[in-house]
Amino acid sequence: SSTGTWTTVWTDGLTSLDRYKGRCYHIDAVPGEDNQYICYVAYPLDLFEE
């Protein structure tokens, strides 16, 4: 599931995808589960409204 603000990314090639993509900054294994992980993702602050 996800929460927060969604941003429309146009596919016209005028905007760089690098500006919008999230960055995984930490990965934890889920205790007691094989091949299950929690990934912490951050997005640039300027994507969100004030």
Protein backbone atom coordinates (compact mmCIF):
# COMPACT_ATOMS: atom_id res chain seq x y z
CA SER A 1 0.00 0.00 0.00
CA SER A 2 1.06 3.59 -0.31
CA THR A 3 0.17 6.90 1.23
CA GLY A 4 1.04 10.47 0.48
CA THR A 5 0.98 12.68 -2.57
CA TRP A 6 1.05 11.33 -6.10
CA THR A 7 2.78 13.32 -8.82
CA THR A 8 1.92 13.03 -12.49
CA VAL A 9 4.99 12.33 -14.60
CA TRP A 10 4.52 13.24 -18.23
CA THR A 11 6.08 10.99 -20.85
CA ASP A 12 6.80 13.77 -23.33
CA GLY A 13 10.54 13.54 -22.68
CA LEU A 14 10.75 17.15 -21.50
CA THR A 15 11.21 16.23 -17.84
CA SER A 16 14.00 14.04 -16.56
CA LEU A 17 12.86 10.87 -14.79
CA ASP A 18 15.81 11.28 -12.41
CA ARG A 19 13.99 14.20 -10.78
CA TYR A 20 11.00 12.03 -9.84
CA LYS A 21 12.31 8.59 -9.02
CA GLY A 22 12.55 7.39 -5.43
CA ARG A 23 15.80 6.31 -3.85
CA CYS A 24 16.12 3.24 -1.67
CA TYR A 25 18.29 4.27 1.26
CA HIS A 26 18.03 1.22 3.52
CA ILE A 27 16.95 -2.44 3.26
CA ASP A 28 16.12 -4.68 6.23
CA ALA A 29 15.44 -8.41 6.17
CA VAL A 30 12.05 -9.37 7.63
CA PRO A 31 12.71 -11.45 10.75
CA GLY A 32 11.56 -15.05 10.36
CA GLU A 33 10.77 -14.72 6.64
CA ASP A 34 12.89 -16.03 3.78
CA ASN A 35 13.45 -13.65 0.86
CA GLN A 36 11.31 -10.90 2.41
CA TYR A 37 12.68 -7.39 2.85
CA ILE A 38 11.56 -3.93 3.90
CA CYS A 39 12.89 -1.17 1.67
CA TYR A 40 12.94 2.44 2.87
CA VAL A 41 12.37 4.82 -0.03
CA ALA A 42 12.90 8.59 -0.11
CA TYR A 43 11.70 11.09 -2.70
CA PRO A 44 13.01 14.62 -3.36
CA LEU A 45 11.22 17.13 -1.11
CA ASP A 46 10.38 19.47 -3.98
CA LEU A 47 7.88 16.88 -5.28
CA PHE A 48 5.59 17.57 -2.33
CA GLU A 49 3.41 20.59 -1.83
CA GLU A 50 3.98 22.83 1.16
